[in-house]
């Protein structure tokens, strides 16, 4: 995230008081700016075209009727909810969820989650990781049942995975390992493919089992 440039955020929640609370929490961070609030996913798509957000904070209880249309959004998705709603969202393999935040977590955690989602590092609340681990393991494609659940990682991929789990962005991982950012993106893509997951949030939840 470049200094002096605020990340644009849209809030999608059917409850006006919840939207107000989220807005006030996020705007305490000088790097974040809430550019719009909407109540439904159908409204979100139009707002995203207008405001081109860097991140969208979603109520995990929202109806998923329009969820798959979010796959085309060039914005980090931050889902706020309980275990049930989080697993519903992470189960949408077409949608790259950038962060999952438990609804009972401190507001400071939401700010951290939004920033990590925008940076591409991903975030999963500790209170959600156990349930998501079970789900992501169950999501392995059935046609791969004849081979190990997870293909073995190379030593370099293992290094990259450990740094992803620590919340580092690709640029920082590249600096630490003395590699190009393009090479790190290649390794991250390989790890995602071997884990049979679509996003870093899923990968963070699954990583302890790899």
C-alpha atoms as a PDB file:
ATOM      1  CA  UNK A   1       0.000   0.000   0.000  1.00  0.00           C
ATOM      2  CA  UNK A   2       1.619   3.241  -1.104  1.00  0.00           C
ATOM      3  CA  UNK A   3       1.959   5.990   1.447  1.00  0.00           C
ATOM      4  CA  UNK A   4      -0.328   8.931   0.859  1.00  0.00           C
ATOM      5  CA  UNK A   5      -2.775   6.874  -1.199  1.00  0.00           C
ATOM      6  CA  UNK A   6      -5.889   5.739   0.627  1.00  0.00           C
ATOM      7  CA  UNK A   7      -7.433   2.379  -0.130  1.00  0.00           C
ATOM      8  CA  UNK A   8     -11.065   2.725  -1.209  1.00  0.00           C
ATOM      9  CA  UNK A   9     -13.540   0.544   0.684  1.00  0.00           C
ATOM     10  CA  UNK A  10     -17.210  -0.278   0.080  1.00  0.00           C
ATOM     11  CA  UNK A  11     -19.308  -1.650   2.947  1.00  0.00           C
ATOM     12  CA  UNK A  12     -22.070  -4.132   2.104  1.00  0.00           C
ATOM     13  CA  UNK A  13     -24.355  -4.840   5.058  1.00  0.00           C
ATOM     14  CA  UNK A  14     -28.172  -4.767   5.347  1.00  0.00           C
ATOM     15  CA  UNK A  15     -28.055  -3.152   8.803  1.00  0.00           C
ATOM     16  CA  UNK A  16     -27.577   0.657   8.869  1.00  0.00           C
ATOM     17  CA  UNK A  17     -26.105   0.677  12.378  1.00  0.00           C
ATOM     18  CA  UNK A  18     -23.616  -2.031  11.429  1.00  0.00           C
ATOM     19  CA  UNK A  19     -22.535  -0.034   8.383  1.00  0.00           C
ATOM     20  CA  UNK A  20     -22.070   3.045  10.537  1.00  0.00           C
ATOM     21  CA  UNK A  21     -19.964   1.137  13.061  1.00  0.00           C
ATOM     22  CA  UNK A  22     -17.799  -0.414  10.364  1.00  0.00           C
ATOM     23  CA  UNK A  23     -17.326   2.966   8.670  1.00  0.00           C
ATOM     24  CA  UNK A  24     -16.246   4.646  11.899  1.00  0.00           C
ATOM     25  CA  UNK A  25     -13.838   1.817  12.678  1.00  0.00           C
ATOM     26  CA  UNK A  26     -12.217   1.789   9.250  1.00  0.00           C
ATOM     27  CA  UNK A  27     -11.905   5.549   8.924  1.00  0.00           C
ATOM     28  CA  UNK A  28      -9.833   5.708  12.098  1.00  0.00           C
ATOM     29  CA  UNK A  29      -7.074   4.331   9.886  1.00  0.00           C
ATOM     30  CA  UNK A  30      -5.685   7.138   7.703  1.00  0.00           C
ATOM     31  CA  UNK A  31      -4.864   4.612   4.969  1.00  0.00           C
ATOM     32  CA  UNK A  32      -8.516   3.631   4.457  1.00  0.00           C
ATOM     33  CA  UNK A  33     -11.425   5.584   2.973  1.00  0.00           C
ATOM     34  CA  UNK A  34     -15.036   4.344   2.856  1.00  0.00           C
ATOM     35  CA  UNK A  35     -16.373   5.491  -0.512  1.00  0.00           C
ATOM     36  CA  UNK A  36     -19.818   3.857  -0.439  1.00  0.00           C
ATOM     37  CA  UNK A  37     -22.286   1.837   1.630  1.00  0.00           C
ATOM     38  CA  UNK A  38     -24.846  -0.604   0.208  1.00  0.00           C
ATOM     39  CA  UNK A  39     -27.325  -3.033   1.731  1.00  0.00           C
ATOM     40  CA  UNK A  40     -27.335  -5.917  -0.777  1.00  0.00           C
ATOM     41  CA  UNK A  41     -24.964  -7.717  -3.131  1.00  0.00           C
ATOM     42  CA  UNK A  42     -27.064  -6.621  -6.116  1.00  0.00           C
ATOM     43  CA  UNK A  43     -26.347  -2.977  -5.180  1.00  0.00           C
ATOM     44  CA  UNK A  44     -22.688  -3.745  -4.578  1.00  0.00           C
ATOM     45  CA  UNK A  45     -22.013  -4.647  -8.192  1.00  0.00           C
ATOM     46  CA  UNK A  46     -23.245  -1.253  -9.405  1.00  0.00           C
ATOM     47  CA  UNK A  47     -21.363   0.605  -6.672  1.00  0.00           C
ATOM     48  CA  UNK A  48     -18.157  -1.246  -7.513  1.00  0.00           C
ATOM     49  CA  UNK A  49     -18.399  -0.164 -11.153  1.00  0.00           C
ATOM     50  CA  UNK A  50     -18.807   3.429 -10.025  1.00  0.00           C
ATOM     51  CA  UNK A  51     -16.192   3.626  -7.255  1.00  0.00           C
ATOM     52  CA  UNK A  52     -13.616   0.966  -8.263  1.00  0.00           C
ATOM     53  CA  UNK A  53     -12.898  -0.108  -4.653  1.00  0.00           C
ATOM     54  CA  UNK A  54      -9.714  -1.723  -3.394  1.00  0.00           C
ATOM     55  CA  UNK A  55     -11.687  -3.711  -0.812  1.00  0.00           C
ATOM     56  CA  UNK A  56     -15.261  -4.684  -0.014  1.00  0.00           C
ATOM     57  CA  UNK A  57     -16.375  -5.492   3.537  1.00  0.00           C
ATOM     58  CA  UNK A  58     -19.310  -7.927   3.399  1.00  0.00           C
ATOM     59  CA  UNK A  59     -21.795  -9.199   5.939  1.00  0.00           C
ATOM     60  CA  UNK A  60     -21.355 -12.969   5.826  1.00  0.00           C
ATOM     61  CA  UNK A  61     -25.084 -13.499   6.346  1.00  0.00           C
ATOM     62  CA  UNK A  62     -25.985 -11.917   3.000  1.00  0.00           C
ATOM     63  CA  UNK A  63     -27.841 -14.074   0.495  1.00  0.00           C
ATOM     64  CA  UNK A  64     -25.403 -15.636  -1.960  1.00  0.00           C
ATOM     65  CA  UNK A  65     -27.611 -15.208  -5.017  1.00  0.00           C
ATOM     66  CA  UNK A  66     -25.237 -12.685  -6.600  1.00  0.00           C
ATOM     67  CA  UNK A  67     -22.056 -13.947  -4.958  1.00  0.00           C
ATOM     68  CA  UNK A  68     -20.599 -15.652  -8.021  1.00  0.00           C
ATOM     69  CA  UNK A  69     -20.833 -12.395  -9.923  1.00  0.00           C
ATOM     70  CA  UNK A  70     -18.284 -11.012  -7.474  1.00  0.00           C
ATOM     71  CA  UNK A  71     -15.646 -13.235  -9.053  1.00  0.00           C
ATOM     72  CA  UNK A  72     -15.057 -10.509 -11.631  1.00  0.00           C
ATOM     73  CA  UNK A  73     -14.519  -7.764  -9.059  1.00  0.00           C
ATOM     74  CA  UNK A  74     -11.021  -6.339  -8.921  1.00  0.00           C
ATOM     75  CA  UNK A  75     -11.298  -5.808  -5.170  1.00  0.00           C
ATOM     76  CA  UNK A  76     -10.284  -7.694  -2.045  1.00  0.00           C
ATOM     77  CA  UNK A  77     -13.286  -9.317  -0.356  1.00  0.00           C
ATOM     78  CA  UNK A  78     -13.425  -9.174   3.441  1.00  0.00           C
ATOM     79  CA  UNK A  79     -16.209 -11.323   4.902  1.00  0.00           C
ATOM     80  CA  UNK A  80     -17.395 -10.667   8.461  1.00  0.00           C
ATOM     81  CA  UNK A  81     -19.438 -13.366  10.170  1.00  0.00           C
ATOM     82  CA  UNK A  82     -19.560 -16.475  12.329  1.00  0.00           C
ATOM     83  CA  UNK A  83     -18.296 -19.964  11.525  1.00  0.00           C
ATOM     84  CA  UNK A  84     -21.378 -20.943   9.502  1.00  0.00           C
ATOM     85  CA  UNK A  85     -21.347 -17.865   7.284  1.00  0.00           C
ATOM     86  CA  UNK A  86     -17.578 -17.984   6.815  1.00  0.00           C
ATOM     87  CA  UNK A  87     -17.688 -21.566   5.577  1.00  0.00           C
ATOM     88  CA  UNK A  88     -20.476 -20.667   3.142  1.00  0.00           C
ATOM     89  CA  UNK A  89     -18.284 -18.000   1.576  1.00  0.00           C
ATOM     90  CA  UNK A  90     -15.015 -19.892   1.539  1.00  0.00           C
ATOM     91  CA  UNK A  91     -16.885 -22.752  -0.101  1.00  0.00           C
ATOM     92  CA  UNK A  92     -17.464 -20.584  -3.179  1.00  0.00           C
ATOM     93  CA  UNK A  93     -14.357 -21.647  -5.036  1.00  0.00           C
ATOM     94  CA  UNK A  94     -15.046 -19.149  -7.842  1.00  0.00           C
ATOM     95  CA  UNK A  95     -14.766 -16.219  -5.417  1.00  0.00           C
ATOM     96  CA  UNK A  96     -11.372 -15.205  -4.060  1.00  0.00           C
ATOM     97  CA  UNK A  97     -12.048 -14.210  -0.452  1.00  0.00           C
ATOM     98  CA  UNK A  98      -9.157 -12.101   0.821  1.00  0.00           C
ATOM     99  CA  UNK A  99     -10.016 -12.107   4.520  1.00  0.00           C
ATOM    100  CA  UNK A 100     -12.399 -13.751   6.979  1.00  0.00           C
ATOM    101  CA  UNK A 101     -13.150 -11.927  10.214  1.00  0.00           C
ATOM    102  CA  UNK A 102     -15.192 -13.302  13.103  1.00  0.00           C
ATOM    103  CA  UNK A 103     -18.094 -11.012  13.959  1.00  0.00           C
ATOM    104  CA  UNK A 104     -17.068 -11.011  17.642  1.00  0.00           C
ATOM    105  CA  UNK A 105     -13.467  -9.995  17.009  1.00  0.00           C
ATOM    106  CA  UNK A 106     -12.268  -6.524  18.107  1.00  0.00           C
ATOM    107  CA  UNK A 107     -12.788  -3.769  15.544  1.00  0.00           C
ATOM    108  CA  UNK A 108      -9.019  -3.357  15.345  1.00  0.00           C
ATOM    109  CA  UNK A 109      -8.846  -6.831  13.813  1.00  0.00           C
ATOM    110  CA  UNK A 110     -11.189  -5.747  11.027  1.00  0.00           C
ATOM    111  CA  UNK A 111      -8.861  -2.883  10.137  1.00  0.00           C
ATOM    112  CA  UNK A 112      -5.906  -5.276  10.050  1.00  0.00           C
ATOM    113  CA  UNK A 113      -7.902  -7.715   7.911  1.00  0.00           C
ATOM    114  CA  UNK A 114      -8.836  -5.046   5.363  1.00  0.00           C
ATOM    115  CA  UNK A 115      -5.256  -3.858   5.038  1.00  0.00           C
ATOM    116  CA  UNK A 116      -3.942  -7.407   4.663  1.00  0.00           C
ATOM    117  CA  UNK A 117      -6.605  -8.227   2.092  1.00  0.00           C
ATOM    118  CA  UNK A 118      -5.690  -5.145   0.062  1.00  0.00           C
ATOM    119  CA  UNK A 119      -1.990  -6.003   0.284  1.00  0.00           C
ATOM    120  CA  UNK A 120      -2.761  -9.519  -0.914  1.00  0.00           C
ATOM    121  CA  UNK A 121      -1.432 -11.234   2.207  1.00  0.00           C
ATOM    122  CA  UNK A 122      -4.788 -12.648   3.335  1.00  0.00           C
ATOM    123  CA  UNK A 123      -6.245 -12.913   6.826  1.00  0.00           C
ATOM    124  CA  UNK A 124      -8.270 -15.486   8.771  1.00  0.00           C
ATOM    125  CA  UNK A 125      -9.482 -14.892  12.328  1.00  0.00           C
ATOM    126  CA  UNK A 126      -8.078 -17.495  14.749  1.00  0.00           C
ATOM    127  CA  UNK A 127     -11.631 -18.301  15.830  1.00  0.00           C
ATOM    128  CA  UNK A 128     -12.514 -19.387  12.287  1.00  0.00           C
ATOM    129  CA  UNK A 129      -9.399 -21.288  11.244  1.00  0.00           C
ATOM    130  CA  UNK A 130     -10.389 -24.663  12.741  1.00  0.00           C
ATOM    131  CA  UNK A 131     -13.710 -24.885  10.927  1.00  0.00           C
ATOM    132  CA  UNK A 132     -12.197 -23.641   7.687  1.00  0.00           C
ATOM    133  CA  UNK A 133      -9.440 -26.226   7.879  1.00  0.00           C
ATOM    134  CA  UNK A 134     -12.061 -28.983   7.953  1.00  0.00           C
ATOM    135  CA  UNK A 135     -13.908 -27.429   5.026  1.00  0.00           C
ATOM    136  CA  UNK A 136     -10.905 -26.855   2.790  1.00  0.00           C
ATOM    137  CA  UNK A 137      -9.721 -30.419   3.332  1.00  0.00           C
ATOM    138  CA  UNK A 138     -13.190 -31.674   2.386  1.00  0.00           C
ATOM    139  CA  UNK A 139     -13.152 -29.506  -0.747  1.00  0.00           C
ATOM    140  CA  UNK A 140     -10.350 -31.484  -2.418  1.00  0.00           C
ATOM    141  CA  UNK A 141     -11.640 -32.525  -5.867  1.00  0.00           C
ATOM    142  CA  UNK A 142     -13.161 -36.009  -5.868  1.00  0.00           C
ATOM    143  CA  UNK A 143     -11.234 -37.018  -8.996  1.00  0.00           C
ATOM    144  CA  UNK A 144      -8.005 -36.550  -7.069  1.00  0.00           C
ATOM    145  CA  UNK A 145      -8.976 -39.126  -4.464  1.00  0.00           C
ATOM    146  CA  UNK A 146      -6.564 -41.636  -5.976  1.00  0.00           C
ATOM    147  CA  UNK A 147      -3.570 -39.418  -5.231  1.00  0.00           C
ATOM    148  CA  UNK A 148      -2.381 -37.813  -1.967  1.00  0.00           C
ATOM    149  CA  UNK A 149      -4.708 -35.049  -0.748  1.00  0.00           C
ATOM    150  CA  UNK A 150      -1.883 -32.545  -1.139  1.00  0.00           C
ATOM    151  CA  UNK A 151       0.990 -32.926  -3.578  1.00  0.00           C
ATOM    152  CA  UNK A 152       4.337 -32.466  -1.803  1.00  0.00           C
ATOM    153  CA  UNK A 153       5.797 -28.974  -1.806  1.00  0.00           C
ATOM    154  CA  UNK A 154       9.294 -28.189  -2.962  1.00  0.00           C
ATOM    155  CA  UNK A 155      11.664 -26.714  -0.395  1.00  0.00           C
ATOM    156  CA  UNK A 156      11.218 -23.266  -1.946  1.00  0.00           C
ATOM    157  CA  UNK A 157       7.422 -23.583  -1.945  1.00  0.00           C
ATOM    158  CA  UNK A 158       7.571 -24.559   1.730  1.00  0.00           C
ATOM    159  CA  UNK A 159       9.609 -21.430   2.475  1.00  0.00           C
ATOM    160  CA  UNK A 160       7.103 -19.279   0.627  1.00  0.00           C
ATOM    161  CA  UNK A 161       4.162 -20.938   2.392  1.00  0.00           C
ATOM    162  CA  UNK A 162       5.642 -20.238   5.823  1.00  0.00           C
ATOM    163  CA  UNK A 163       6.046 -16.561   4.957  1.00  0.00           C
ATOM    164  CA  UNK A 164       2.508 -16.377   3.552  1.00  0.00           C
ATOM    165  CA  UNK A 165       1.243 -17.813   6.857  1.00  0.00           C
ATOM    166  CA  UNK A 166       3.078 -15.014   8.663  1.00  0.00           C
ATOM    167  CA  UNK A 167       1.094 -12.474   6.658  1.00  0.00           C
ATOM    168  CA  UNK A 168       3.843 -11.200   4.370  1.00  0.00           C
ATOM    169  CA  UNK A 169       3.014  -9.723   0.978  1.00  0.00           C
ATOM    170  CA  UNK A 170       4.677 -11.047  -2.174  1.00  0.00           C
ATOM    171  CA  UNK A 171       7.000  -8.051  -2.352  1.00  0.00           C
ATOM    172  CA  UNK A 172       8.286  -8.629   1.186  1.00  0.00           C
ATOM    173  CA  UNK A 173       8.678 -12.381   0.588  1.00  0.00           C
ATOM    174  CA  UNK A 174      10.674 -11.618  -2.557  1.00  0.00           C
ATOM    175  CA  UNK A 175      12.962  -9.273  -0.614  1.00  0.00           C
ATOM    176  CA  UNK A 176      13.580 -11.809   2.148  1.00  0.00           C
ATOM    177  CA  UNK A 177      14.328 -14.672  -0.214  1.00  0.00           C
ATOM    178  CA  UNK A 178      16.309 -12.623  -2.717  1.00  0.00           C
ATOM    179  CA  UNK A 179      13.944 -13.446  -5.567  1.00  0.00           C
ATOM    180  CA  UNK A 180      11.803 -11.427  -7.957  1.00  0.00           C
ATOM    181  CA  UNK A 181       8.183 -10.691  -7.093  1.00  0.00           C
ATOM    182  CA  UNK A 182       7.175 -12.496 -10.299  1.00  0.00           C
ATOM    183  CA  UNK A 183       8.926 -15.650  -9.084  1.00  0.00           C
ATOM    184  CA  UNK A 184       7.158 -15.443  -5.722  1.00  0.00           C
ATOM    185  CA  UNK A 185       3.783 -15.122  -7.463  1.00  0.00           C
ATOM    186  CA  UNK A 186       4.655 -18.260  -9.427  1.00  0.00           C
ATOM    187  CA  UNK A 187       5.462 -20.187  -6.237  1.00  0.00           C
ATOM    188  CA  UNK A 188       2.300 -18.965  -4.487  1.00  0.00           C
ATOM    189  CA  UNK A 189       0.204 -20.077  -7.464  1.00  0.00           C
ATOM    190  CA  UNK A 190       1.825 -23.514  -7.315  1.00  0.00           C
ATOM    191  CA  UNK A 191       1.118 -23.832  -3.599  1.00  0.00           C
ATOM    192  CA  UNK A 192      -2.528 -22.835  -4.118  1.00  0.00           C
ATOM    193  CA  UNK A 193      -2.868 -25.422  -6.874  1.00  0.00           C
ATOM    194  CA  UNK A 194      -1.295 -28.187  -4.786  1.00  0.00           C
ATOM    195  CA  UNK A 195      -3.558 -27.329  -1.849  1.00  0.00           C
ATOM    196  CA  UNK A 196      -6.651 -27.312  -4.113  1.00  0.00           C
ATOM    197  CA  UNK A 197      -7.696 -23.858  -2.875  1.00  0.00           C
ATOM    198  CA  UNK A 198      -8.422 -20.601  -4.676  1.00  0.00           C
ATOM    199  CA  UNK A 199      -7.295 -17.912  -2.244  1.00  0.00           C
ATOM    200  CA  UNK A 200      -4.643 -17.011   0.312  1.00  0.00           C
ATOM    201  CA  UNK A 201      -7.322 -16.927   3.023  1.00  0.00           C
ATOM    202  CA  UNK A 202      -8.115 -20.575   2.315  1.00  0.00           C
ATOM    203  CA  UNK A 203      -4.409 -21.353   2.209  1.00  0.00           C
ATOM    204  CA  UNK A 204      -3.788 -19.738   5.592  1.00  0.00           C
ATOM    205  CA  UNK A 205      -6.586 -21.808   7.105  1.00  0.00           C
ATOM    206  CA  UNK A 206      -5.303 -25.009   5.516  1.00  0.00           C
ATOM    207  CA  UNK A 207      -1.569 -24.483   5.966  1.00  0.00           C
ATOM    208  CA  UNK A 208      -1.164 -26.285   9.350  1.00  0.00           C
ATOM    209  CA  UNK A 209      -2.168 -29.552   7.657  1.00  0.00           C
ATOM    210  CA  UNK A 210       0.353 -29.241   4.811  1.00  0.00           C
END
